[in-house]
Amino acid sequence: MTENIPEVRHLKSSSGISFSLNYIASQTHLEWYNKSEFPKKDCDFCQLVTPEKESIHSLLRTTMSLFPGHELLISPSHGDDYIGLYLRHMLDITDENAAAAIAFDGSKNVKLKNYHFNCHLLSDKNILPIIQDAGGSLYKEIIKQDNFSIGMLDVYGRNPIIVRSSSRDKVEDAFHEIEKLIGVSFSTSSHPYINLIIWKDGEDYVLAVIPRVVYKPTEYYAEDNSWDIAPGALEMGGFYLTSNHAEFVNLKVEQLMRINDEVSYSNTHIQELLQDFDLSKIS
């Protein structure tokens, strides 16, 4: 799949949240981006698993790219393990590529057997506005101990839980605790709908956990809807993709904030969830 060079609009809200709106002319490219879960017999990602594919920490490089600096990574098997296994490999990849970030869309509360793990490798992490937000004045620290912190963005329109530590084990432990608080079910082999964005900041690993309420905002289902944004991990990180040029030209930052807020947990919900976070589980 050839790369698209997107047109870009940079938008900023009055509260200081930034968005990057990117027009990708090919609808086919975005259809691939929005794929994630299906029975194995119907899985398009399984068709990409071939012996000649280069591997990177148990994941396969597909060479499929939405835009310069983006590549789709997939697991070699369908429905083979939980997010937690691949979190370690995603951390390994960012450890070896300090300028990069990984965005993981997550499964939409489906059983593991209907999910083929995939994620997005971005060679330049700074294209994601959430990364600047996480290091700026919008960040609010909630939990703090030696070499470990959890916080959030104290502003409407972007709702991640941000975990930071130079210890990879602590980041992984924190993710598992957050996943349990949100509602993982090992008995039914399903895990909650969570987007992840992972990057390095100096010696620290930074993990943005974005719990999702729904996949698409209400407006998406309106009869007169002419736009095609279905927010995935990139969008929740502030990097929006659309193949609808009128949408690209006319969308306002307030609409993007409302989309983010509608499909993810509210700040109040995140604060309530973190009140039950068990620090004793952090190694």
Protein backbone atom coordinates (compact mmCIF):
# COMPACT_ATOMS: atom_id res chain seq x y z
CA MET A 1 0.00 0.00 0.00
CA THR A 2 1.50 3.33 -1.01
CA GLU A 3 1.85 6.24 1.40
CA ASN A 4 -0.47 9.21 1.26
CA ILE A 5 0.90 12.70 1.86
CA PRO A 6 -1.96 14.23 3.86
CA GLU A 7 -3.18 17.80 3.87
CA VAL A 8 -3.03 19.06 7.45
CA ARG A 9 -4.93 21.59 9.56
CA HIS A 10 -3.71 22.45 13.06
CA LEU A 11 -6.44 23.51 15.49
CA LYS A 12 -6.29 24.70 19.10
CA SER A 13 -9.09 25.14 21.62
CA SER A 14 -9.47 28.10 23.95
CA SER A 15 -8.49 25.78 26.83
CA GLY A 16 -5.18 24.93 25.15
CA ILE A 17 -5.88 21.50 23.62
CA SER A 18 -4.33 20.99 20.19
CA PHE A 19 -5.60 18.85 17.32
CA SER A 20 -4.07 17.82 14.01
CA LEU A 21 -6.69 17.19 11.31
CA ASN A 22 -5.35 15.18 8.36
CA TYR A 23 -7.02 14.60 5.01
CA ILE A 24 -6.25 11.21 3.42
CA ALA A 25 -7.71 11.10 -0.09
CA SER A 26 -7.96 7.31 -0.29
CA GLN A 27 -10.97 5.84 1.53
CA THR A 28 -9.41 2.39 1.04
CA HIS A 29 -6.48 3.34 3.27
CA LEU A 30 -8.81 4.44 6.06
CA GLU A 31 -10.87 1.27 5.76
CA TRP A 32 -7.72 -0.67 6.61
CA TYR A 33 -7.02 1.66 9.50
CA ASN A 34 -10.47 1.01 10.98
CA LYS A 35 -10.30 -2.78 10.77
CA SER A 36 -9.68 -4.68 13.98
CA GLU A 37 -11.88 -7.60 14.86
CA PHE A 38 -13.48 -10.43 12.96
CA PRO A 39 -13.72 -14.26 13.10
CA LYS A 40 -10.51 -15.88 11.94
CA LYS A 41 -12.07 -17.14 8.69
CA ASP A 42 -12.86 -13.52 7.70
CA CYS A 43 -9.68 -11.88 9.02
CA ASP A 44 -7.85 -9.70 6.51
CA PHE A 45 -4.88 -9.34 8.86
CA CYS A 46 -4.34 -13.11 8.75
CA GLN A 47 -3.78 -12.75 5.00
CA LEU A 48 -0.84 -10.43 5.77
CA VAL A 49 0.98 -13.05 7.85
CA THR A 50 3.62 -14.46 5.49
CA PRO A 51 7.09 -15.94 6.16
CA GLU A 52 8.94 -13.07 4.48
CA LYS A 53 7.52 -10.42 6.83
CA GLU A 54 10.17 -8.80 9.04
CA SER A 55 9.51 -9.20 12.76
CA ILE A 56 10.00 -6.62 15.51
CA HIS A 57 9.62 -7.93 19.07
CA SER A 58 7.10 -10.67 18.19
CA LEU A 59 5.11 -8.34 15.91
CA LEU A 60 5.25 -8.32 12.11
CA ARG A 61 5.97 -5.28 9.99
CA THR A 62 3.32 -5.10 7.27
CA THR A 63 4.84 -2.15 5.31
CA MET A 64 1.25 -0.83 5.16
CA SER A 65 1.27 2.91 5.70
CA LEU A 66 -1.39 5.61 5.95
CA PHE A 67 1.09 8.48 5.68
CA PRO A 68 4.88 9.03 5.82
CA GLY A 69 6.24 7.84 9.16
CA HIS A 70 3.33 5.43 9.85
CA GLU A 71 3.40 1.62 9.68
CA LEU A 72 0.87 -1.02 10.70
CA LEU A 73 2.24 -3.82 12.94
CA ILE A 74 0.31 -7.07 13.51
CA SER A 75 0.70 -10.22 15.59
CA PRO A 76 1.66 -13.41 13.74
CA SER A 77 -1.41 -15.26 15.07
CA HIS A 78 -5.12 -14.55 15.36
CA GLY A 79 -6.71 -14.26 18.82
CA ASP A 80 -3.62 -15.52 20.58
CA ASP A 81 -3.16 -13.46 23.74
CA TYR A 82 -4.16 -10.53 25.93
CA ILE A 83 -3.05 -6.94 25.54
CA GLY A 84 -0.68 -7.32 28.48
CA LEU A 85 1.64 -9.66 26.57
CA TYR A 86 1.97 -7.21 23.69
CA LEU A 87 2.36 -4.22 26.00
CA ARG A 88 5.84 -5.46 26.90
CA HIS A 89 6.74 -5.75 23.23
CA MET A 90 5.36 -2.28 22.47
CA LEU A 91 7.46 -0.90 25.33
CA ASP A 92 10.49 -2.70 23.88
CA ILE A 93 9.91 -1.08 20.51
CA THR A 94 9.69 2.44 21.96
CA ASP A 95 12.76 1.68 24.10
CA GLU A 96 14.73 1.08 20.91
CA ASN A 97 13.11 3.98 19.02
CA ALA A 98 13.14 6.97 21.37
CA ALA A 99 11.71 9.31 18.72
CA ALA A 100 8.77 6.99 18.02
CA ALA A 101 5.36 6.29 19.54
CA ILE A 102 3.00 3.35 19.30
CA ALA A 103 -0.78 3.72 19.18
CA PHE A 104 -2.99 0.73 19.94
CA ASP A 105 -6.70 0.86 19.10
CA GLY A 106 -7.81 -2.01 21.31
CA SER A 107 -10.69 -4.39 20.79
CA LYS A 108 -14.22 -3.16 21.24
CA ASN A 109 -15.12 -5.48 24.14
CA VAL A 110 -15.03 -8.57 21.94
CA LYS A 111 -13.82 -12.02 22.85
CA LEU A 112 -10.16 -12.65 22.20
CA LYS A 113 -10.86 -15.27 19.52
CA ASN A 114 -12.34 -12.55 17.28
CA TYR A 115 -9.42 -10.18 17.60
CA HIS A 116 -6.17 -9.97 15.64
CA PHE A 117 -3.71 -7.77 17.52
CA ASN A 118 -2.52 -4.73 15.57
CA CYS A 119 -0.99 -1.37 16.39
CA HIS A 120 0.45 1.72 14.70
CA LEU A 121 4.15 2.57 14.75
CA LEU A 122 4.79 6.30 14.33
CA SER A 123 8.40 7.23 13.62
CA ASP A 124 7.88 10.77 14.99
CA LYS A 125 5.95 10.80 18.29
CA ASN A 126 5.60 14.58 18.16
CA ILE A 127 2.88 14.40 15.50
CA LEU A 128 0.52 13.36 18.33
CA PRO A 129 -0.77 16.44 20.20
CA ILE A 130 -1.44 14.37 23.33
CA ILE A 131 2.30 14.05 23.90
CA GLN A 132 2.74 17.80 24.24
CA ASP A 133 -0.36 17.95 26.45
CA ALA A 134 1.03 15.28 28.79
CA GLY A 135 4.15 17.33 29.44
CA GLY A 136 2.45 20.72 29.79
CA SER A 137 0.28 22.77 32.09
CA LEU A 138 -2.86 20.72 31.36
CA TYR A 139 -1.39 17.71 33.19
CA LYS A 140 -2.71 17.00 36.70
CA GLU A 141 -0.90 14.47 38.89
CA ILE A 142 -3.20 12.16 40.88
CA ILE A 143 -0.90 9.45 42.30
CA LYS A 144 2.81 9.77 43.12
CA GLN A 145 5.44 7.52 44.65
CA ASP A 146 9.15 6.94 44.02
CA ASN A 147 9.82 6.73 40.28
CA PHE A 148 6.14 6.36 39.47
CA SER A 149 3.19 8.63 38.83
CA ILE A 150 -0.33 8.58 37.39
CA GLY A 151 -2.15 11.67 36.20
CA MET A 152 -4.73 12.97 33.79
CA LEU A 153 -5.40 16.03 31.67
CA ASP A 154 -7.56 18.38 33.70
CA VAL A 155 -9.50 19.78 30.77
CA TYR A 156 -12.61 18.97 28.73
CA GLY A 157 -12.08 17.14 25.45
CA ARG A 158 -9.15 14.79 26.04
CA ASN A 159 -9.42 12.06 28.65
CA PRO A 160 -6.35 9.82 29.10
CA ILE A 161 -4.93 8.22 32.23
CA ILE A 162 -1.20 8.93 32.00
CA VAL A 163 1.25 6.49 33.63
CA ARG A 164 4.92 7.47 33.90
CA SER A 165 7.97 5.63 35.24
CA SER A 166 11.50 4.70 34.25
CA SER A 167 10.62 1.16 35.36
CA ARG A 168 8.93 -0.86 32.66
CA ASP A 169 7.66 -3.30 35.30
CA LYS A 170 5.86 -0.49 37.14
CA VAL A 171 4.22 0.70 33.92
CA GLU A 172 3.03 -2.83 33.14
CA ASP A 173 1.77 -3.38 36.70
CA ALA A 174 -0.11 -0.07 36.56
CA PHE A 175 -1.75 -0.99 33.27
CA HIS A 176 -2.98 -4.32 34.66
CA GLU A 177 -4.45 -2.57 37.70
CA ILE A 178 -6.18 0.04 35.53
CA GLU A 179 -7.48 -2.67 33.20
CA LYS A 180 -9.01 -4.51 36.17
CA LEU A 181 -10.62 -1.32 37.45
CA ILE A 182 -12.17 -0.71 34.03
CA GLY A 183 -13.42 -4.27 33.70
CA VAL A 184 -11.21 -6.99 32.21
CA SER A 185 -12.82 -10.43 32.22
CA PHE A 186 -10.39 -13.34 32.07
CA SER A 187 -13.22 -15.84 32.61
CA THR A 188 -14.84 -14.85 29.30
CA SER A 189 -11.55 -14.13 27.50
CA SER A 190 -12.49 -10.51 26.84
CA HIS A 191 -10.89 -7.23 27.75
CA PRO A 192 -12.33 -3.74 27.92
CA TYR A 193 -12.19 -1.27 25.06
CA ILE A 194 -9.04 0.74 25.77
CA ASN A 195 -6.83 2.82 23.48
CA LEU A 196 -3.13 3.01 24.34
CA ILE A 197 -0.42 5.45 23.27
CA ILE A 198 3.14 4.66 24.34
CA TRP A 199 6.34 6.69 24.09
CA LYS A 200 9.60 7.50 25.88
CA ASP A 201 10.33 10.83 27.57
CA GLY A 202 14.00 10.80 28.48
CA GLU A 203 14.45 7.73 30.68
CA ASP A 204 10.73 7.46 31.41
CA TYR A 205 8.20 5.24 29.72
CA VAL A 206 4.91 7.08 29.28
CA LEU A 207 1.67 5.18 28.76
CA ALA A 208 -1.57 7.00 27.96
CA VAL A 209 -4.49 4.68 28.76
CA ILE A 210 -7.71 5.95 27.18
CA PRO A 211 -10.79 4.02 28.37
CA ARG A 212 -13.58 4.12 25.82
CA VAL A 213 -17.32 4.30 26.39
CA VAL A 214 -18.28 3.80 22.73
CA TYR A 215 -16.55 3.51 19.37
CA LYS A 216 -18.42 6.19 17.42
CA PRO A 217 -20.07 9.44 18.59
CA THR A 218 -23.83 9.90 18.23
CA GLU A 219 -23.49 12.18 15.20
CA TYR A 220 -21.90 9.38 13.20
CA TYR A 221 -25.23 7.54 13.04
CA ALA A 222 -27.35 10.52 11.97
CA GLU A 223 -29.16 10.05 8.63
CA ASP A 224 -27.68 13.27 7.23
CA ASN A 225 -24.14 12.48 8.36
CA SER A 226 -21.60 13.14 5.59
CA TRP A 227 -18.43 12.73 7.62
CA ASP A 228 -16.42 9.60 8.29
CA ILE A 229 -14.41 10.10 11.48
CA ALA A 230 -14.57 7.01 13.69
CA PRO A 231 -12.15 7.79 16.53
CA GLY A 232 -9.34 5.31 17.08
CA ALA A 233 -6.16 5.63 19.13
CA LEU A 234 -4.63 8.22 16.80
CA GLU A 235 -7.73 10.43 17.02
CA MET A 236 -7.87 10.12 20.79
CA GLY A 237 -4.27 11.34 20.75
CA GLY A 238 -5.40 14.41 18.82
CA PHE A 239 -4.39 13.19 15.35
CA TYR A 240 -7.58 12.98 13.28
CA LEU A 241 -7.84 11.27 9.89
CA THR A 242 -10.60 11.81 7.35
CA SER A 243 -11.15 11.06 3.66
CA ASN A 244 -14.01 13.56 3.43
CA HIS A 245 -12.55 16.84 2.16
CA ALA A 246 -15.57 18.95 3.10
CA GLU A 247 -15.30 17.56 6.62
CA PHE A 248 -11.57 18.32 6.63
CA VAL A 249 -12.15 21.94 5.60
CA ASN A 250 -15.16 22.69 7.79
CA LEU A 251 -14.67 20.82 11.07
CA LYS A 252 -14.22 23.09 14.09
CA VAL A 253 -12.12 22.36 17.14
CA GLU A 254 -15.23 22.33 19.34
CA GLN A 255 -16.59 19.38 17.32
CA LEU A 256 -13.36 17.43 17.78
CA MET A 257 -13.41 18.10 21.52
CA ARG A 258 -17.02 16.94 21.72
CA ILE A 259 -16.18 13.73 19.82
CA ASN A 260 -13.32 12.90 22.19
CA ASP A 261 -15.42 13.65 25.24
CA GLU A 262 -18.43 11.64 24.10
CA VAL A 263 -16.56 8.43 23.32
CA SER A 264 -14.23 8.35 26.35
CA TYR A 265 -14.53 8.48 30.14
CA SER A 266 -15.21 11.85 31.73
CA ASN A 267 -12.56 13.43 33.96
CA THR A 268 -14.82 12.83 36.96
CA HIS A 269 -15.12 9.14 36.08
CA ILE A 270 -11.33 8.82 35.75
CA GLN A 271 -10.76 10.45 39.13
CA GLU A 272 -13.31 8.13 40.76
CA LEU A 273 -11.68 5.10 39.12
CA LEU A 274 -8.19 6.08 40.33
CA GLN A 275 -9.42 6.42 43.91
CA ASP A 276 -9.52 2.60 43.96
CA PHE A 277 -6.05 2.16 42.44
CA ASP A 278 -4.00 -0.23 44.61
CA LEU A 279 -0.46 1.12 44.90
CA SER A 280 0.64 -2.04 46.73
CA LYS A 281 0.41 -3.88 43.39
CA ILE A 282 3.16 -1.72 41.85
CA SER A 283 6.50 -3.56 42.07
